[in-house]
Amino acid sequence: MGFTIPWRCLVPLDAVETLFGDAGLEACCRESGAQIHVSAEDEAPQTLSDKIVTISGSVPQKQDACQRMLENLWRSQGIPPDDDGLFVVIVPSSVVGAIIGPKGVKIKEIMQTSGADINMGREAIIGMPDNPMVVSGTREQIIVATNMSMAVLQEFADRDRLREEDFRYIPGRTPAARPSFRAP
């Protein structure tokens, strides 16, 4: 068995204070049981204006922390609780094909089951070996779609096809060539 993958997302710089200021980060960690890390200046490419938020823990802990983040994000952006919004998840470029699946079968399954819409970025984030995956829908739809997508990545980590360093920013690292994947 590999390791437990973290969930990573991008948070707009102007929303970080709203989400995590005034002991909000500590409260989210305490209440969810997850560990949350907001990238420092040297933990992301200079070209990236957003912060990378890494959520670690068990799947229920990561889901709870993500739900709390989305609630605060919706509130900070004035989005009513049941309205659609966007959430940007970061996915290692080397496994984008696994989330999409042959002929798009896997990503269609995730969208149909969750009710969310997913737009997988075709290009890596500048300066990173990761692609953005934009998930749009209600908060609940986003949580379900994110969980299902991360479950695909966890399967690859469990089979030693992903490494822990695939989930960390390392300056100068470029996207690996995308291998073709067979379903697990």
Protein backbone atom coordinates (compact mmCIF):
# COMPACT_ATOMS: atom_id res chain seq x y z
CA MET A 1 0.00 0.00 0.00
CA GLY A 2 1.20 3.49 -0.82
CA PHE A 3 0.35 6.53 1.26
CA THR A 4 -2.75 8.59 1.96
CA ILE A 5 -2.92 11.30 -0.69
CA PRO A 6 -3.62 14.87 0.32
CA TRP A 7 -6.29 16.94 -1.39
CA ARG A 8 -4.87 20.10 -2.94
CA CYS A 9 -6.74 23.11 -4.20
CA LEU A 10 -6.15 26.69 -5.24
CA VAL A 11 -7.58 29.49 -3.14
CA PRO A 12 -7.57 33.08 -4.43
CA LEU A 13 -5.11 35.18 -2.47
CA ASP A 14 -7.83 37.66 -1.51
CA ALA A 15 -9.93 34.84 0.02
CA VAL A 16 -7.18 33.31 2.18
CA GLU A 17 -7.66 35.79 5.02
CA THR A 18 -11.43 35.27 4.97
CA LEU A 19 -11.04 31.48 5.01
CA PHE A 20 -8.17 31.11 7.45
CA GLY A 21 -7.61 34.42 9.28
CA ASP A 22 -8.41 35.09 12.94
CA ALA A 23 -7.71 31.49 14.02
CA GLY A 24 -9.93 30.13 11.23
CA LEU A 25 -7.24 27.69 10.10
CA GLU A 26 -6.79 26.28 13.60
CA ALA A 27 -10.56 26.02 14.07
CA CYS A 28 -11.02 24.20 10.76
CA CYS A 29 -8.23 21.76 11.66
CA ARG A 30 -9.59 21.21 15.18
CA GLU A 31 -13.21 20.74 14.07
CA SER A 32 -12.49 18.55 11.04
CA GLY A 33 -9.50 16.64 12.39
CA ALA A 34 -7.65 17.33 9.12
CA GLN A 35 -4.29 18.99 8.77
CA ILE A 36 -4.40 22.03 6.49
CA HIS A 37 -1.40 23.81 5.05
CA VAL A 38 -1.53 27.09 3.12
CA SER A 39 1.47 27.53 0.84
CA ALA A 40 4.17 30.00 1.80
CA GLU A 41 5.81 32.21 -0.80
CA ASP A 42 8.57 29.66 -1.52
CA GLU A 43 6.10 26.75 -1.78
CA ALA A 44 4.51 27.81 -5.06
CA PRO A 45 5.74 29.21 -8.35
CA GLN A 46 6.07 32.99 -8.45
CA THR A 47 3.75 32.98 -11.46
CA LEU A 48 0.89 31.60 -9.35
CA SER A 49 -1.22 34.32 -7.76
CA ASP A 50 -3.38 31.86 -5.76
CA LYS A 51 -2.36 29.95 -2.65
CA ILE A 52 -2.06 26.17 -2.69
CA VAL A 53 -4.06 24.65 0.15
CA THR A 54 -3.17 21.08 1.09
CA ILE A 55 -5.61 19.05 3.18
CA SER A 56 -4.33 15.85 4.82
CA GLY A 57 -6.02 13.25 6.98
CA SER A 58 -8.61 10.53 6.55
CA VAL A 59 -11.15 10.86 3.75
CA PRO A 60 -13.94 11.97 6.15
CA GLN A 61 -11.58 14.54 7.70
CA LYS A 62 -10.61 15.90 4.29
CA GLN A 63 -14.27 16.03 3.23
CA ASP A 64 -15.22 17.90 6.41
CA ALA A 65 -12.37 20.40 6.05
CA CYS A 66 -13.21 20.92 2.38
CA GLN A 67 -16.89 21.45 3.22
CA ARG A 68 -15.94 24.07 5.82
CA MET A 69 -13.66 25.81 3.32
CA LEU A 70 -16.40 25.86 0.69
CA GLU A 71 -18.93 27.27 3.17
CA ASN A 72 -16.54 30.12 3.99
CA LEU A 73 -15.59 30.61 0.34
CA TRP A 74 -19.27 30.86 -0.70
CA ARG A 75 -19.94 33.28 2.15
CA SER A 76 -16.91 35.44 1.29
CA GLN A 77 -17.96 35.63 -2.37
CA GLY A 78 -21.63 36.31 -1.59
CA ILE A 79 -22.82 33.04 -3.14
CA PRO A 80 -26.08 31.76 -1.60
CA PRO A 81 -25.57 28.34 0.12
CA ASP A 82 -27.42 26.29 -2.51
CA ASP A 83 -26.09 28.12 -5.57
CA ASP A 84 -23.35 26.89 -7.86
CA GLY A 85 -19.75 27.99 -7.48
CA LEU A 86 -16.27 26.95 -8.60
CA PHE A 87 -13.56 25.00 -6.82
CA VAL A 88 -10.12 24.42 -8.34
CA VAL A 89 -8.47 21.13 -7.40
CA ILE A 90 -4.82 20.45 -8.28
CA VAL A 91 -4.07 17.09 -9.91
CA PRO A 92 -0.61 15.69 -10.80
CA SER A 93 -0.30 15.93 -14.59
CA SER A 94 0.87 12.33 -14.79
CA VAL A 95 -2.56 11.01 -13.74
CA VAL A 96 -4.93 13.38 -15.52
CA GLY A 97 -5.71 10.57 -17.96
CA ALA A 98 -6.80 8.30 -15.12
CA ILE A 99 -9.43 10.79 -13.97
CA ILE A 100 -10.65 11.33 -17.52
CA GLY A 101 -10.60 7.61 -18.33
CA PRO A 102 -10.76 5.95 -21.74
CA LYS A 103 -12.92 8.08 -24.04
CA GLY A 104 -13.89 10.22 -21.04
CA VAL A 105 -15.78 7.41 -19.33
CA LYS A 106 -14.43 8.04 -15.80
CA ILE A 107 -14.90 11.80 -15.76
CA LYS A 108 -18.42 11.39 -17.18
CA GLU A 109 -19.20 8.89 -14.41
CA ILE A 110 -17.93 11.33 -11.78
CA MET A 111 -20.00 14.17 -13.27
CA GLN A 112 -23.13 12.05 -13.58
CA THR A 113 -22.87 10.65 -10.04
CA SER A 114 -22.01 13.98 -8.39
CA GLY A 115 -24.08 16.33 -10.53
CA ALA A 116 -21.04 18.62 -10.78
CA ASP A 117 -19.42 19.81 -13.98
CA ILE A 118 -15.67 19.18 -14.31
CA ASN A 119 -13.27 20.94 -16.63
CA MET A 120 -9.84 19.32 -16.58
CA GLY A 121 -7.17 21.81 -17.60
CA ARG A 122 -5.32 20.71 -20.71
CA GLU A 123 -2.15 22.52 -19.71
CA ALA A 124 -0.11 22.24 -16.53
CA ILE A 125 -0.11 25.18 -14.15
CA ILE A 126 2.87 27.35 -15.11
CA GLY A 127 5.86 26.28 -13.04
CA MET A 128 4.19 23.14 -11.69
CA PRO A 129 3.77 19.53 -12.83
CA ASP A 130 0.07 19.73 -12.00
CA ASN A 131 -3.12 20.49 -13.87
CA PRO A 132 -6.05 22.48 -12.57
CA MET A 133 -9.35 20.63 -12.37
CA VAL A 134 -12.21 23.12 -12.14
CA VAL A 135 -15.24 21.62 -10.41
CA SER A 136 -18.46 23.61 -10.61
CA GLY A 137 -21.73 22.95 -8.87
CA THR A 138 -23.26 23.20 -5.43
CA ARG A 139 -21.01 22.66 -2.44
CA GLU A 140 -22.31 19.11 -1.98
CA GLN A 141 -21.79 18.28 -5.67
CA ILE A 142 -18.24 19.63 -5.48
CA ILE A 143 -17.45 17.52 -2.40
CA VAL A 144 -18.77 14.34 -4.08
CA ALA A 145 -16.89 15.04 -7.34
CA THR A 146 -13.67 15.89 -5.49
CA ASN A 147 -13.94 12.77 -3.34
CA MET A 148 -14.52 10.54 -6.39
CA SER A 149 -11.62 12.14 -8.28
CA MET A 150 -9.27 11.82 -5.32
CA ALA A 151 -10.31 8.16 -4.91
CA VAL A 152 -8.91 7.55 -8.40
CA LEU A 153 -5.62 9.13 -7.33
CA GLN A 154 -5.60 7.11 -4.11
CA GLU A 155 -5.87 3.90 -6.14
CA PHE A 156 -2.72 4.91 -8.03
CA ALA A 157 -0.90 5.77 -4.80
CA ASP A 158 -1.93 2.41 -3.34
CA ARG A 159 -0.36 0.71 -6.37
CA ASP A 160 2.81 2.81 -6.03
CA ARG A 161 2.05 4.68 -9.25
CA LEU A 162 2.13 8.01 -7.39
CA ARG A 163 4.67 9.22 -4.84
CA GLU A 164 4.34 11.65 -1.96
CA GLU A 165 6.56 14.16 -3.78
CA ASP A 166 3.96 14.24 -6.59
CA PHE A 167 1.87 16.29 -4.15
CA ARG A 168 4.54 18.83 -3.22
CA TYR A 169 5.81 21.86 -5.10
CA ILE A 170 9.44 21.36 -6.05
CA PRO A 171 10.97 24.32 -7.92
CA GLY A 172 12.06 23.44 -11.43
CA ARG A 173 10.13 20.18 -11.67
CA THR A 174 8.21 19.90 -14.92
CA PRO A 175 5.23 17.74 -15.83
CA ALA A 176 6.06 14.13 -16.56
CA ALA A 177 4.93 12.65 -19.81
CA ARG A 178 1.39 11.38 -19.46
CA PRO A 179 1.39 7.61 -19.63
CA SER A 180 -1.69 5.84 -20.79
CA PHE A 181 -3.51 4.18 -17.92
CA ARG A 182 -5.57 1.07 -17.72
CA ALA A 183 -8.44 1.03 -15.29
CA PRO A 184 -7.41 -0.31 -11.87
